Protein backbone atom coordinates (compact mmCIF):
# COMPACT_ATOMS: atom_id res chain seq x y z
CA UNK A 1 -0.04 0.05 0.01
CA UNK A 2 1.46 3.35 -1.11
CA UNK A 3 1.45 5.92 1.73
CA UNK A 4 2.84 9.18 2.72
CA UNK A 5 2.76 10.26 6.35
CA UNK A 6 3.56 13.77 7.40
CA UNK A 7 4.75 14.63 10.99
CA UNK A 8 6.31 17.44 12.73
CA UNK A 9 3.44 19.83 13.10
CA UNK A 10 2.28 21.60 16.25
CA UNK A 11 1.84 24.89 18.03
CA UNK A 12 4.62 27.27 17.80
CA UNK A 13 4.93 31.12 18.69
CA UNK A 14 5.65 33.70 15.92
CA UNK A 15 9.30 33.60 15.11
CA UNK A 16 9.69 30.08 15.94
CA UNK A 17 10.67 26.95 13.89
CA UNK A 18 9.28 23.59 13.11
CA UNK A 19 10.62 20.73 10.68
CA UNK A 20 7.98 18.84 8.99
CA UNK A 21 8.64 15.29 7.70
CA UNK A 22 7.15 13.42 4.84
CA UNK A 23 7.94 9.63 5.08
CA UNK A 24 6.95 7.11 2.45
CA UNK A 25 6.09 3.63 2.62
CA UNK A 26 5.03 0.98 0.05
CA UNK A 27 7.12 2.63 -2.48
CA UNK A 28 10.48 4.31 -2.97
CA UNK A 29 10.64 8.02 -3.64
CA UNK A 30 13.72 7.97 -5.63
CA UNK A 31 11.80 8.95 -8.90
CA UNK A 32 9.13 11.09 -7.33
CA UNK A 33 9.04 14.89 -7.17
CA UNK A 34 7.61 15.92 -3.79
CA UNK A 35 5.51 18.92 -3.17
CA UNK A 36 4.41 20.58 0.06
CA UNK A 37 1.03 22.23 0.15
CA UNK A 38 -0.89 24.10 2.97
CA UNK A 39 -4.42 24.97 3.56
CA UNK A 40 -5.59 27.71 5.80
CA UNK A 41 -9.02 27.66 7.30
CA UNK A 42 -11.50 28.60 4.75
CA UNK A 43 -8.84 28.91 2.05
CA UNK A 44 -7.88 26.97 -1.00
CA UNK A 45 -4.92 24.59 -0.77
CA UNK A 46 -1.88 26.35 -1.96
CA UNK A 47 1.65 25.11 -3.27
CA UNK A 48 4.39 25.96 -0.96
CA UNK A 49 7.44 24.15 -2.27
CA UNK A 50 8.62 21.57 -4.58
CA UNK A 51 11.78 19.43 -4.73
CA UNK A 52 12.75 17.34 -7.80
CA UNK A 53 13.38 13.62 -7.48
CA UNK A 54 17.18 14.00 -7.46
CA UNK A 55 16.89 17.02 -5.00
CA UNK A 56 18.77 19.23 -7.47
CA UNK A 57 15.84 21.55 -8.26
CA UNK A 58 13.70 23.32 -5.71
CA UNK A 59 10.90 25.97 -5.78
CA UNK A 60 9.24 28.00 -3.08
CA UNK A 61 6.27 30.23 -2.87
CA UNK A 62 7.04 33.88 -2.61
CA UNK A 63 5.40 33.99 0.88
CA UNK A 64 7.82 31.43 2.34
CA UNK A 65 11.10 32.16 0.41
CA UNK A 66 14.10 32.67 2.47
CA UNK A 67 12.18 31.16 5.50
CA UNK A 68 11.40 27.52 4.48
CA UNK A 69 13.75 24.93 3.22
CA UNK A 70 12.84 21.69 1.36
CA UNK A 71 15.18 18.93 1.40
CA UNK A 72 15.20 15.07 0.81
CA UNK A 73 16.97 12.04 2.18
CA UNK A 74 16.11 9.29 -0.36
CA UNK A 75 17.99 6.71 1.75
CA UNK A 76 15.50 7.36 4.50
CA UNK A 77 12.65 7.72 1.94
CA UNK A 78 11.66 10.97 3.67
CA UNK A 79 11.52 14.60 2.53
CA UNK A 80 11.63 17.52 5.09
CA UNK A 81 10.40 21.05 5.14
CA UNK A 82 12.30 23.15 7.67
CA UNK A 83 10.26 26.21 8.46
CA UNK A 84 11.92 29.13 10.17
CA UNK A 85 10.63 32.58 11.32
CA UNK A 86 7.13 31.38 11.21
CA UNK A 87 4.16 33.88 11.08
CA UNK A 88 0.60 33.47 12.05
CA UNK A 89 -0.25 33.38 8.38
CA UNK A 90 1.76 30.14 8.16
CA UNK A 91 -1.01 28.59 10.14
CA UNK A 92 -2.85 25.59 8.29
CA UNK A 93 -2.67 21.95 7.40
CA UNK A 94 0.49 20.91 5.68
CA UNK A 95 0.30 18.33 3.01
CA UNK A 96 3.06 16.30 1.20
CA UNK A 97 2.41 14.85 -2.23
CA UNK A 98 4.38 12.82 -4.68
CA UNK A 99 4.40 12.90 -8.39
CA UNK A 100 6.29 10.35 -10.42
CA UNK A 101 8.86 12.52 -12.47
CA UNK A 102 12.59 12.34 -12.93
CA UNK A 103 13.05 15.51 -14.44
CA UNK A 104 14.30 18.71 -12.63
CA UNK A 105 12.25 20.91 -14.75
CA UNK A 106 9.11 19.48 -12.84
CA UNK A 107 9.71 22.01 -10.14
CA UNK A 108 10.20 24.98 -12.42
CA UNK A 109 6.70 25.99 -11.23
CA UNK A 110 5.13 25.98 -7.95
CA UNK A 111 3.40 22.71 -7.08
CA UNK A 112 -0.22 22.32 -8.32
CA UNK A 113 -2.42 19.79 -6.89
CA UNK A 114 -3.66 17.98 -10.19
CA UNK A 115 -0.03 17.07 -10.91
CA UNK A 116 0.30 15.00 -7.78
CA UNK A 117 -0.86 11.32 -7.48
CA UNK A 118 -0.35 10.45 -3.89
CA UNK A 119 -1.11 12.44 -0.88
CA UNK A 120 -0.58 12.33 2.85
CA UNK A 121 -3.25 13.03 5.43
CA UNK A 122 -1.80 16.22 6.59
CA UNK A 123 -0.03 17.64 9.84
CA UNK A 124 -1.54 20.75 11.53
CA UNK A 125 0.70 23.82 12.10
CA UNK A 126 -0.62 26.64 14.38
CA UNK A 127 1.49 29.81 14.87
CA UNK A 128 0.10 31.80 17.52
CA UNK A 129 1.15 33.64 20.67
């Protein structure tokens, strides 16, 4: 059974940090691009960051650029999202998703939901004092 499981969410004060993990089971992430998405209450799901299958190409939404860092450890079958300098507007449910694609150009654009076949259940991030 193909599965993605996010972890690492929680409650953090503004200016704090969290590291989200996206672990795959039932398949290897070696040939998959991974996208991180988030959905704030009452809003549509938006693409936050993308990393190509090799890790050589990344992309970030303007709202998180310079604060978030996406990385992957294919040996651990896991992708990470390091989130620093968190703001209240970063609050939401964060999802990771996988798309079978071996090309770095896949992450030229921000992740779009329709391009990803496998999704995790999400992890909640709340940034509040």
